[in-house]
Amino acid sequence: MSLLEFFRPQKKTSANVAKERLQIIVAERRKEGAGSPTYLPQLKQDILEVLKKYVEVQEDMVEVSLEQSDGDLSVLELNVKLPDEEK
C-alpha cells in the first residue's frame, strides 16, 4: 500500500455497498433467534392476493413454511392447493 492510497481511499461501488447491507440484514435475522420469522404471515397474505387474481383460492389453501438448518441453509416451502377444474 502506498502512502497516497492511505490518504485517498478508493470509492466503494454500489455492488460492494449492497453486499455489506445484505450481510448486515442476514446477521440481524440470525440474531433474532430460531423462531418463526415475523414476515411469514405477510408473505403468505401477499402470495394469496396474487393467486386470487388468477385462481379462486381461500386462505386455508395456502401454506408457507420456513425451515432453517444449523448451517447457512434456509428453505422456504410454499404449498398451494388448487381447486378442481370444473368442465
N, C-alpha and C. Protein backbone atom coordinates (compact mmCIF):
# COMPACT_ATOMS: atom_id res chain seq x y z
N MET A 1 0.85 -1.17 0.00
CA MET A 1 0.00 0.00 0.00
C MET A 1 0.90 1.23 0.00
N SER A 2 0.64 2.10 -0.94
CA SER A 2 1.44 3.32 -0.99
C SER A 2 0.85 4.35 -0.04
N LEU A 3 1.64 5.34 0.22
CA LEU A 3 1.23 6.40 1.14
C LEU A 3 0.02 7.16 0.60
N LEU A 4 -0.04 7.34 -0.71
CA LEU A 4 -1.18 8.06 -1.31
C LEU A 4 -2.48 7.29 -1.16
N GLU A 5 -2.42 5.97 -1.29
CA GLU A 5 -3.63 5.16 -1.14
C GLU A 5 -4.17 5.23 0.28
N PHE A 6 -3.30 5.42 1.23
CA PHE A 6 -3.73 5.52 2.63
C PHE A 6 -4.57 6.78 2.85
N PHE A 7 -4.15 7.88 2.26
CA PHE A 7 -4.86 9.15 2.45
C PHE A 7 -6.01 9.35 1.48
N ARG A 8 -6.02 8.59 0.40
CA ARG A 8 -7.07 8.71 -0.59
C ARG A 8 -7.70 7.34 -0.81
N PRO A 9 -8.64 6.94 0.07
CA PRO A 9 -9.23 5.60 -0.06
C PRO A 9 -10.06 5.48 -1.33
N GLN A 10 -10.17 4.26 -1.81
CA GLN A 10 -10.94 4.00 -3.03
C GLN A 10 -12.43 4.14 -2.74
N LYS A 11 -13.15 4.60 -3.75
CA LYS A 11 -14.60 4.73 -3.62
C LYS A 11 -15.24 3.35 -3.66
N LYS A 12 -16.27 3.18 -2.86
CA LYS A 12 -16.98 1.91 -2.85
C LYS A 12 -17.97 1.87 -4.01
N THR A 13 -18.04 0.74 -4.66
CA THR A 13 -19.00 0.58 -5.74
C THR A 13 -20.37 0.26 -5.14
N SER A 14 -21.40 0.43 -5.92
CA SER A 14 -22.76 0.14 -5.42
C SER A 14 -22.92 -1.34 -5.10
N ALA A 15 -22.20 -2.20 -5.82
CA ALA A 15 -22.28 -3.63 -5.53
C ALA A 15 -21.69 -3.94 -4.16
N ASN A 16 -20.58 -3.30 -3.82
CA ASN A 16 -19.99 -3.52 -2.50
C ASN A 16 -20.89 -3.01 -1.38
N VAL A 17 -21.51 -1.87 -1.60
CA VAL A 17 -22.42 -1.31 -0.60
C VAL A 17 -23.61 -2.24 -0.41
N ALA A 18 -24.18 -2.74 -1.51
CA ALA A 18 -25.32 -3.66 -1.43
C ALA A 18 -24.93 -4.94 -0.71
N LYS A 19 -23.74 -5.44 -0.99
CA LYS A 19 -23.27 -6.66 -0.33
C LYS A 19 -23.13 -6.45 1.17
N GLU A 20 -22.58 -5.32 1.57
CA GLU A 20 -22.43 -5.03 3.00
C GLU A 20 -23.79 -4.92 3.68
N ARG A 21 -24.74 -4.27 3.04
CA ARG A 21 -26.08 -4.13 3.61
C ARG A 21 -26.75 -5.49 3.75
N LEU A 22 -26.60 -6.34 2.75
CA LEU A 22 -27.19 -7.68 2.80
C LEU A 22 -26.57 -8.49 3.93
N GLN A 23 -25.27 -8.36 4.13
CA GLN A 23 -24.61 -9.07 5.23
C GLN A 23 -25.14 -8.62 6.58
N ILE A 24 -25.42 -7.34 6.72
CA ILE A 24 -25.97 -6.81 7.97
C ILE A 24 -27.37 -7.36 8.20
N ILE A 25 -28.19 -7.41 7.15
CA ILE A 25 -29.56 -7.92 7.28
C ILE A 25 -29.54 -9.39 7.67
N VAL A 26 -28.69 -10.18 7.02
CA VAL A 26 -28.59 -11.61 7.33
C VAL A 26 -28.14 -11.81 8.76
N ALA A 27 -27.17 -11.02 9.20
CA ALA A 27 -26.69 -11.14 10.59
C ALA A 27 -27.79 -10.79 11.59
N GLU A 28 -28.58 -9.78 11.28
CA GLU A 28 -29.68 -9.40 12.18
C GLU A 28 -30.74 -10.49 12.24
N ARG A 29 -31.07 -11.10 11.11
CA ARG A 29 -32.07 -12.16 11.08
C ARG A 29 -31.60 -13.36 11.89
N ARG A 30 -30.32 -13.69 11.79
CA ARG A 30 -29.78 -14.81 12.56
C ARG A 30 -29.80 -14.52 14.04
N LYS A 31 -29.58 -13.27 14.39
CA LYS A 31 -29.53 -12.87 15.79
C LYS A 31 -30.91 -12.90 16.44
N GLU A 32 -31.96 -12.72 15.65
CA GLU A 32 -33.32 -12.67 16.18
C GLU A 32 -33.74 -13.97 16.84
N GLY A 33 -33.14 -15.06 16.46
CA GLY A 33 -33.47 -16.32 17.09
C GLY A 33 -33.96 -17.35 16.10
N ALA A 34 -34.21 -18.53 16.62
CA ALA A 34 -34.61 -19.65 15.77
C ALA A 34 -36.11 -19.72 15.55
N GLY A 35 -36.86 -18.81 16.14
CA GLY A 35 -38.31 -18.82 15.99
C GLY A 35 -38.73 -18.49 14.57
N SER A 36 -40.00 -18.58 14.33
CA SER A 36 -40.54 -18.28 13.01
C SER A 36 -40.38 -16.80 12.70
N PRO A 37 -39.91 -16.45 11.51
CA PRO A 37 -39.73 -15.05 11.16
C PRO A 37 -41.05 -14.29 11.17
N THR A 38 -40.98 -13.02 11.46
CA THR A 38 -42.19 -12.20 11.56
C THR A 38 -42.78 -11.85 10.20
N TYR A 39 -42.02 -12.01 9.15
CA TYR A 39 -42.52 -11.63 7.82
C TYR A 39 -43.32 -12.74 7.13
N LEU A 40 -43.35 -13.94 7.68
CA LEU A 40 -44.06 -15.05 7.02
C LEU A 40 -45.57 -14.81 6.87
N PRO A 41 -46.28 -14.32 7.88
CA PRO A 41 -47.72 -14.07 7.68
C PRO A 41 -47.99 -13.05 6.57
N GLN A 42 -47.20 -12.00 6.50
CA GLN A 42 -47.40 -11.01 5.44
C GLN A 42 -47.05 -11.60 4.08
N LEU A 43 -46.02 -12.42 4.03
CA LEU A 43 -45.65 -13.09 2.78
C LEU A 43 -46.78 -13.99 2.30
N LYS A 44 -47.38 -14.73 3.22
CA LYS A 44 -48.49 -15.61 2.87
C LYS A 44 -49.66 -14.79 2.32
N GLN A 45 -49.95 -13.67 2.96
CA GLN A 45 -51.06 -12.82 2.52
C GLN A 45 -50.79 -12.24 1.13
N ASP A 46 -49.56 -11.82 0.88
CA ASP A 46 -49.20 -11.27 -0.43
C ASP A 46 -49.32 -12.33 -1.52
N ILE A 47 -48.87 -13.54 -1.24
CA ILE A 47 -48.97 -14.64 -2.21
C ILE A 47 -50.43 -14.96 -2.48
N LEU A 48 -51.24 -14.96 -1.44
CA LEU A 48 -52.67 -15.23 -1.59
C LEU A 48 -53.34 -14.19 -2.48
N GLU A 49 -52.99 -12.93 -2.31
CA GLU A 49 -53.58 -11.86 -3.13
C GLU A 49 -53.20 -12.01 -4.61
N VAL A 50 -51.97 -12.41 -4.87
CA VAL A 50 -51.54 -12.61 -6.25
C VAL A 50 -52.27 -13.80 -6.86
N LEU A 51 -52.40 -14.89 -6.10
CA LEU A 51 -53.09 -16.07 -6.61
C LEU A 51 -54.56 -15.79 -6.90
N LYS A 52 -55.18 -14.95 -6.09
CA LYS A 52 -56.59 -14.62 -6.28
C LYS A 52 -56.86 -13.92 -7.61
N LYS A 53 -55.85 -13.31 -8.19
CA LYS A 53 -56.01 -12.66 -9.49
C LYS A 53 -56.23 -13.68 -10.60
N TYR A 54 -55.74 -14.91 -10.40
CA TYR A 54 -55.78 -15.91 -11.45
C TYR A 54 -56.66 -17.11 -11.13
N VAL A 55 -56.79 -17.45 -9.84
CA VAL A 55 -57.49 -18.65 -9.44
C VAL A 55 -58.29 -18.34 -8.18
N GLU A 56 -59.43 -19.00 -8.04
CA GLU A 56 -60.22 -18.85 -6.82
C GLU A 56 -59.60 -19.71 -5.72
N VAL A 57 -58.94 -19.06 -4.78
CA VAL A 57 -58.33 -19.77 -3.66
C VAL A 57 -58.76 -19.11 -2.35
N GLN A 58 -58.73 -19.90 -1.31
CA GLN A 58 -59.04 -19.39 0.01
C GLN A 58 -57.78 -19.44 0.87
N GLU A 59 -57.81 -18.75 1.99
CA GLU A 59 -56.62 -18.64 2.83
C GLU A 59 -56.12 -19.99 3.34
N ASP A 60 -57.03 -20.92 3.60
CA ASP A 60 -56.60 -22.21 4.11
C ASP A 60 -55.99 -23.12 3.03
N MET A 61 -55.99 -22.65 1.78
CA MET A 61 -55.42 -23.43 0.68
C MET A 61 -53.95 -23.11 0.44
N VAL A 62 -53.41 -22.14 1.19
CA VAL A 62 -52.02 -21.73 1.01
C VAL A 62 -51.26 -21.94 2.32
N GLU A 63 -50.15 -22.65 2.23
CA GLU A 63 -49.29 -22.89 3.40
C GLU A 63 -47.88 -22.41 3.08
N VAL A 64 -47.31 -21.62 3.98
CA VAL A 64 -45.95 -21.12 3.83
C VAL A 64 -45.16 -21.53 5.06
N SER A 65 -44.00 -22.15 4.86
CA SER A 65 -43.16 -22.53 5.99
C SER A 65 -41.70 -22.27 5.66
N LEU A 66 -40.93 -22.07 6.71
CA LEU A 66 -39.51 -21.82 6.54
C LEU A 66 -38.75 -22.79 7.42
N GLU A 67 -37.84 -23.55 6.81
CA GLU A 67 -37.01 -24.49 7.55
C GLU A 67 -35.58 -23.98 7.53
N GLN A 68 -34.98 -23.89 8.71
CA GLN A 68 -33.60 -23.43 8.81
C GLN A 68 -32.75 -24.51 9.45
N SER A 69 -31.61 -24.78 8.83
CA SER A 69 -30.70 -25.77 9.38
C SER A 69 -29.63 -25.06 10.21
N ASP A 70 -28.76 -25.82 10.82
CA ASP A 70 -27.71 -25.23 11.64
C ASP A 70 -26.72 -24.42 10.81
N GLY A 71 -26.58 -24.78 9.57
CA GLY A 71 -25.64 -24.07 8.70
C GLY A 71 -26.28 -22.82 8.12
N ASP A 72 -25.87 -22.49 6.93
CA ASP A 72 -26.36 -21.29 6.26
C ASP A 72 -27.53 -21.58 5.33
N LEU A 73 -28.16 -22.74 5.48
CA LEU A 73 -29.21 -23.15 4.55
C LEU A 73 -30.59 -22.86 5.12
N SER A 74 -31.41 -22.17 4.33
CA SER A 74 -32.80 -21.92 4.68
C SER A 74 -33.65 -22.33 3.49
N VAL A 75 -34.77 -23.01 3.77
CA VAL A 75 -35.66 -23.46 2.71
C VAL A 75 -37.05 -22.88 2.96
N LEU A 76 -37.53 -22.13 1.99
CA LEU A 76 -38.88 -21.58 2.05
C LEU A 76 -39.77 -22.50 1.24
N GLU A 77 -40.79 -23.07 1.90
CA GLU A 77 -41.68 -24.02 1.25
C GLU A 77 -43.06 -23.38 1.09
N LEU A 78 -43.60 -23.48 -0.10
CA LEU A 78 -44.92 -22.92 -0.41
C LEU A 78 -45.78 -24.04 -0.99
N ASN A 79 -46.88 -24.33 -0.32
CA ASN A 79 -47.83 -25.34 -0.79
C ASN A 79 -49.16 -24.66 -1.07
N VAL A 80 -49.64 -24.85 -2.30
CA VAL A 80 -50.92 -24.26 -2.70
C VAL A 80 -51.82 -25.38 -3.19
N LYS A 81 -52.99 -25.50 -2.60
CA LYS A 81 -53.99 -26.48 -3.05
C LYS A 81 -54.92 -25.76 -4.03
N LEU A 82 -54.80 -26.14 -5.28
CA LEU A 82 -55.63 -25.50 -6.30
C LEU A 82 -56.98 -26.19 -6.37
N PRO A 83 -58.03 -25.43 -6.66
CA PRO A 83 -59.37 -26.04 -6.77
C PRO A 83 -59.45 -26.92 -8.00
N ASP A 84 -60.36 -27.87 -7.96
CA ASP A 84 -60.58 -28.74 -9.12
C ASP A 84 -61.18 -27.92 -10.25
N GLU A 85 -60.75 -28.26 -11.46
CA GLU A 85 -61.25 -27.55 -12.62
C GLU A 85 -62.61 -28.10 -13.00
N GLU A 86 -63.59 -27.22 -13.13
CA GLU A 86 -64.95 -27.63 -13.49
C GLU A 86 -65.11 -27.53 -14.99
N LYS A 87 -65.61 -28.61 -15.62
CA LYS A 87 -65.82 -28.61 -17.07
C LYS A 87 -67.28 -28.76 -17.39
